[in-house]
Amino acid sequence: MKIGFVGCGNMASAMIGGIIKNRVADPSDILASAKSEAGREKARKNLGIKVSASNQEVAAFADVLILAVKPFYYEEVICEIKDSVKDGVIIVSITPGKTLVWLEEQFGKPSKIVRTMPNTPALVGEGMSCICGNPRTTQEDIDTVCKIFAGFGKSEIVTEEMIDVVVGVSGSSPAYVFMFIEALADAAVADGMPRAQAYRFAAQAVLGSAKMVLETGKHPGELKDMVCSPKGTTIEAVRVLEEKGLRSAVFEAAKACVKKTREV
């Protein structure tokens, strides 16, 4: 299986690194394009893959073609590569806002299209992605994409109308979590803890809490209640969070994210 990446920025590099680390594909079977010589050299040196300045070369090479460019470049890039894509290639989009129908229309011919939405924790092998194929994709095609994405995290099959929701709850939410970690650390620094140590305590608390949700299967509310002793320190902190509207702020932020995604 030959995998092509049109674009080799941070997200593509994270994906490629996981694919190679978990032996989903050999570096010699991956070709990525980058506009700048510096970008190509970085990918060649850090990832050991083949690189090219030509998007068309990548398109002609690939059995699975991953479009890893910004949304506003999609139309231009597809116009450039569409005549170079081989029949039967699985075309994978990782951008919000571009529908399966729109993508196939841009290619101008019947095409196997898969929409996905990875997130930046792919950089550390803990990405979360959604996957949705058009009617021309087979179960084998979807399995192939799932296998690739398993190289840098987890994935779940969703319907296309859920992809915008995934952006709010997963695609963009690492930013919300980073803000929470930063705020926790700032509070610790205010009470005298060295900043580097504060970040470690806050980040590990978030990591461990997330693992408890995933591994115990318990409702987050139940896990919260386990920490909140009567008249204790934690329930006092929770009272302040409720007073300041933490839940509402997160709720509204995710809703705003989904709304913006639908406008892209």
Protein backbone atom coordinates (compact mmCIF):
# COMPACT_ATOMS: atom_id res chain seq x y z
CA MET A 1 0.00 0.00 0.00
CA LYS A 2 1.46 3.34 -1.08
CA ILE A 3 0.34 6.38 0.90
CA GLY A 4 0.59 9.90 -0.47
CA PHE A 5 0.30 13.12 1.54
CA VAL A 6 -0.45 16.33 -0.28
CA GLY A 7 1.00 18.69 2.28
CA CYS A 8 3.40 17.85 5.08
CA GLY A 9 2.66 20.26 7.92
CA ASN A 10 2.31 19.49 11.62
CA MET A 11 -0.76 17.29 11.32
CA ALA A 12 0.54 15.31 8.35
CA SER A 13 3.92 14.87 10.06
CA ALA A 14 2.20 13.59 13.21
CA MET A 15 0.18 11.13 11.16
CA ILE A 16 3.20 9.93 9.19
CA GLY A 17 5.27 9.53 12.35
CA GLY A 18 2.63 7.29 13.90
CA ILE A 19 2.15 5.29 10.72
CA ILE A 20 5.87 4.54 10.58
CA LYS A 21 6.30 3.93 14.32
CA ASN A 22 3.48 1.40 14.36
CA ARG A 23 4.62 -0.22 11.11
CA VAL A 24 1.41 0.46 9.25
CA ALA A 25 3.57 1.30 6.23
CA ASP A 26 7.26 1.41 5.43
CA PRO A 27 8.83 4.87 4.96
CA SER A 28 9.67 3.89 1.38
CA ASP A 29 5.94 3.52 0.69
CA ILE A 30 5.11 7.08 1.78
CA LEU A 31 5.51 10.13 -0.44
CA ALA A 32 4.68 13.64 0.76
CA SER A 33 4.74 17.01 -0.95
CA ALA A 34 5.79 20.31 0.57
CA LYS A 35 6.08 23.71 -1.06
CA SER A 36 9.39 24.71 0.46
CA GLU A 37 12.74 22.97 0.23
CA ALA A 38 13.08 23.45 3.99
CA GLY A 39 9.79 21.61 4.56
CA ARG A 40 10.84 18.77 2.30
CA GLU A 41 14.23 18.46 3.94
CA LYS A 42 12.65 18.43 7.39
CA ALA A 43 10.28 15.60 6.39
CA ARG A 44 13.08 13.66 4.74
CA LYS A 45 15.37 14.00 7.74
CA ASN A 46 12.85 13.52 10.56
CA LEU A 47 10.58 10.91 8.99
CA GLY A 48 12.78 9.15 6.46
CA ILE A 49 10.09 9.28 3.78
CA LYS A 50 10.17 10.23 0.12
CA VAL A 51 9.38 13.87 -0.58
CA SER A 52 8.46 15.90 -3.62
CA ALA A 53 7.74 19.46 -4.67
CA SER A 54 5.00 18.15 -6.97
CA ASN A 55 1.47 17.47 -5.73
CA GLN A 56 0.81 15.71 -9.03
CA GLU A 57 3.65 13.28 -8.40
CA VAL A 58 2.17 12.41 -5.03
CA ALA A 59 -1.27 11.91 -6.57
CA ALA A 60 0.11 9.57 -9.24
CA PHE A 61 2.06 7.59 -6.61
CA ALA A 62 -0.67 6.92 -4.06
CA ASP A 63 -3.09 4.07 -3.44
CA VAL A 64 -4.37 6.11 -0.50
CA LEU A 65 -4.14 9.86 -1.06
CA ILE A 66 -4.44 12.10 2.01
CA LEU A 67 -5.22 15.77 1.40
CA ALA A 68 -3.41 17.50 4.27
CA VAL A 69 -3.73 21.14 3.25
CA LYS A 70 -5.77 24.02 4.68
CA PRO A 71 -9.47 24.18 3.64
CA PHE A 72 -8.98 27.28 1.48
CA TYR A 73 -6.41 25.42 -0.67
CA TYR A 74 -8.60 22.39 -1.37
CA GLU A 75 -10.23 23.61 -4.58
CA GLU A 76 -6.92 24.77 -6.06
CA VAL A 77 -5.06 21.59 -5.08
CA ILE A 78 -7.75 19.22 -6.33
CA CYS A 79 -7.86 21.05 -9.65
CA GLU A 80 -4.10 20.56 -9.87
CA ILE A 81 -4.03 16.83 -9.06
CA LYS A 82 -7.34 15.40 -10.26
CA ASP A 83 -6.02 14.16 -13.61
CA SER A 84 -3.07 12.45 -11.91
CA VAL A 85 -5.12 10.34 -9.48
CA LYS A 86 -5.32 6.68 -10.47
CA ASP A 87 -8.64 4.84 -10.70
CA GLY A 88 -9.65 3.16 -7.46
CA VAL A 89 -7.53 5.37 -5.21
CA ILE A 90 -8.96 6.13 -1.76
CA ILE A 91 -8.96 9.91 -1.33
CA VAL A 92 -8.91 11.03 2.29
CA SER A 93 -9.84 14.55 3.42
CA ILE A 94 -8.79 15.78 6.86
CA THR A 95 -10.42 19.20 6.68
CA PRO A 96 -13.73 20.47 8.08
CA GLY A 97 -16.45 21.98 5.94
CA LYS A 98 -15.85 20.17 2.64
CA THR A 99 -18.60 17.59 2.10
CA LEU A 100 -18.27 14.23 0.40
CA VAL A 101 -20.46 15.46 -2.46
CA TRP A 102 -18.41 18.65 -2.88
CA LEU A 103 -15.14 16.72 -2.86
CA GLU A 104 -16.29 14.26 -5.52
CA GLU A 105 -17.60 17.13 -7.67
CA GLN A 106 -14.18 18.78 -7.54
CA PHE A 107 -12.50 15.61 -8.82
CA GLY A 108 -15.01 15.53 -11.67
CA LYS A 109 -15.36 11.77 -11.81
CA PRO A 110 -16.64 8.89 -9.67
CA SER A 111 -14.20 8.69 -6.75
CA LYS A 112 -13.76 6.90 -3.46
CA ILE A 113 -13.83 9.71 -0.90
CA VAL A 114 -13.37 9.42 2.86
CA ARG A 115 -13.81 12.35 5.22
CA THR A 116 -11.90 12.31 8.50
CA MET A 117 -11.17 14.72 11.33
CA PRO A 118 -8.02 13.96 13.34
CA ASN A 119 -6.73 16.13 16.18
CA THR A 120 -3.32 17.30 17.37
CA PRO A 121 -2.79 14.63 20.08
CA ALA A 122 -1.86 12.50 17.06
CA LEU A 123 1.56 14.09 17.70
CA VAL A 124 1.94 11.80 20.72
CA GLY A 125 0.04 8.81 19.34
CA GLU A 126 -3.18 9.70 21.17
CA GLY A 127 -5.22 11.22 18.36
CA MET A 128 -8.98 10.83 18.07
CA SER A 129 -10.46 10.77 14.59
CA CYS A 130 -13.80 10.25 12.92
CA ILE A 131 -14.15 8.44 9.60
CA CYS A 132 -16.94 8.62 7.04
CA GLY A 133 -16.89 7.27 3.48
CA ASN A 134 -19.04 8.08 0.47
CA PRO A 135 -21.22 5.37 -1.17
CA ARG A 136 -18.41 4.40 -3.55
CA THR A 137 -16.18 3.21 -0.71
CA THR A 138 -16.27 -0.44 0.33
CA GLN A 139 -15.92 -1.87 3.81
CA GLU A 140 -12.39 -2.86 2.81
CA ASP A 141 -11.64 0.77 1.91
CA ILE A 142 -12.91 1.99 5.28
CA ASP A 143 -10.90 -0.72 7.06
CA THR A 144 -7.80 0.45 5.21
CA VAL A 145 -8.29 4.04 6.38
CA CYS A 146 -9.01 2.87 9.94
CA LYS A 147 -5.77 0.86 9.90
CA ILE A 148 -3.80 3.92 8.82
CA PHE A 149 -5.40 6.11 11.47
CA ALA A 150 -4.78 3.47 14.16
CA GLY A 151 -1.11 4.33 13.69
CA PHE A 152 -1.53 7.59 15.61
CA GLY A 153 -4.54 7.07 17.88
CA LYS A 154 -8.13 5.89 17.86
CA SER A 155 -10.95 6.39 15.39
CA GLU A 156 -14.68 5.81 15.11
CA ILE A 157 -17.05 5.60 12.17
CA VAL A 158 -19.63 8.41 12.08
CA THR A 159 -22.29 9.69 9.72
CA GLU A 160 -21.34 12.78 7.75
CA GLU A 161 -23.66 15.10 9.66
CA MET A 162 -21.73 14.23 12.84
CA ILE A 163 -18.37 15.40 11.48
CA ASP A 164 -19.05 19.04 12.36
CA VAL A 165 -19.94 17.93 15.89
CA VAL A 166 -16.66 15.98 16.09
CA VAL A 167 -14.79 19.23 15.37
CA GLY A 168 -16.35 20.80 18.47
CA VAL A 169 -15.92 17.86 20.83
CA SER A 170 -12.60 16.48 19.59
CA GLY A 171 -10.97 18.29 16.68
CA SER A 172 -10.70 21.68 18.39
CA SER A 173 -11.09 20.68 22.03
CA PRO A 174 -7.39 20.10 22.75
CA ALA A 175 -7.14 23.91 22.75
CA TYR A 176 -9.80 24.09 25.48
CA VAL A 177 -7.92 21.47 27.51
CA PHE A 178 -4.62 23.31 27.12
CA MET A 179 -6.29 26.46 28.43
CA PHE A 180 -7.61 24.51 31.44
CA ILE A 181 -4.13 23.10 32.16
CA GLU A 182 -2.60 26.55 31.84
CA ALA A 183 -5.16 28.05 34.21
CA LEU A 184 -4.58 25.30 36.79
CA ALA A 185 -0.84 25.83 36.55
CA ASP A 186 -1.20 29.60 36.87
CA ALA A 187 -3.13 29.11 40.10
CA ALA A 188 -0.41 26.81 41.44
CA VAL A 189 2.26 29.35 40.50
CA ALA A 190 0.28 32.04 42.31
CA ASP A 191 0.49 29.87 45.43
CA GLY A 192 4.26 29.42 45.09
CA MET A 193 4.84 26.35 42.90
CA PRO A 194 7.55 26.59 40.19
CA ARG A 195 5.91 26.88 36.77
CA ALA A 196 7.45 23.79 35.15
CA GLN A 197 6.38 21.67 38.10
CA ALA A 198 2.89 23.22 38.03
CA TYR A 199 2.47 22.22 34.39
CA ARG A 200 3.49 18.64 35.21
CA PHE A 201 1.02 18.36 38.08
CA ALA A 202 -1.83 19.88 36.07
CA ALA A 203 -1.19 17.91 32.89
CA GLN A 204 -0.81 14.59 34.68
CA ALA A 205 -4.06 15.21 36.57
CA VAL A 206 -5.86 15.76 33.25
CA LEU A 207 -4.23 12.69 31.67
CA GLY A 208 -5.10 10.46 34.62
CA SER A 209 -8.66 11.76 34.82
CA ALA A 210 -9.22 11.10 31.12
CA LYS A 211 -7.91 7.56 31.49
CA MET A 212 -10.32 6.98 34.37
CA VAL A 213 -13.26 7.93 32.13
CA LEU A 214 -12.07 5.68 29.31
CA GLU A 215 -10.93 2.69 31.36
CA THR A 216 -13.52 2.48 34.15
CA GLY A 217 -16.56 3.11 31.97
CA LYS A 218 -18.04 5.16 34.79
CA HIS A 219 -20.04 8.33 34.14
CA PRO A 220 -17.89 11.47 34.57
CA GLY A 221 -20.35 12.72 37.17
CA GLU A 222 -19.89 9.55 39.21
CA LEU A 223 -16.10 9.93 39.05
CA LYS A 224 -16.43 13.58 40.12
CA ASP A 225 -18.57 12.55 43.09
CA MET A 226 -15.86 10.08 44.17
CA VAL A 227 -13.46 13.00 44.67
CA CYS A 228 -15.95 15.28 46.45
CA SER A 229 -15.95 14.48 50.17
CA PRO A 230 -18.63 16.14 52.37
CA LYS A 231 -17.48 19.59 53.49
CA GLY A 232 -14.19 18.93 51.69
CA THR A 233 -11.80 20.94 49.58
CA THR A 234 -12.90 19.54 46.23
CA ILE A 235 -16.60 20.24 46.58
CA GLU A 236 -15.71 23.82 47.51
CA ALA A 237 -13.71 24.14 44.29
CA VAL A 238 -16.57 22.56 42.33
CA ARG A 239 -18.99 25.07 43.89
CA VAL A 240 -16.86 27.94 42.55
CA LEU A 241 -16.61 26.35 39.10
CA GLU A 242 -20.39 26.05 38.97
CA GLU A 243 -20.78 29.63 40.21
CA LYS A 244 -18.42 30.90 37.51
CA GLY A 245 -20.19 28.92 34.79
CA LEU A 246 -17.55 26.40 33.73
CA ARG A 247 -20.07 23.98 32.22
CA SER A 248 -21.90 26.72 30.36
CA ALA A 249 -18.67 28.22 29.03
CA VAL A 250 -17.46 24.88 27.66
CA PHE A 251 -20.92 24.08 26.26
CA GLU A 252 -21.18 27.41 24.46
CA ALA A 253 -17.58 27.25 23.20
CA ALA A 254 -18.14 23.84 21.62
CA LYS A 255 -21.43 25.00 20.09
CA ALA A 256 -19.71 28.09 18.63
CA CYS A 257 -16.99 25.86 17.19
CA VAL A 258 -19.56 23.65 15.46
CA LYS A 259 -21.39 26.71 14.10
CA LYS A 260 -18.18 28.12 12.66
CA THR A 261 -17.32 24.75 11.12
CA ARG A 262 -20.64 24.70 9.28
CA GLU A 263 -19.83 28.11 7.83
CA VAL A 264 -16.44 27.08 6.40
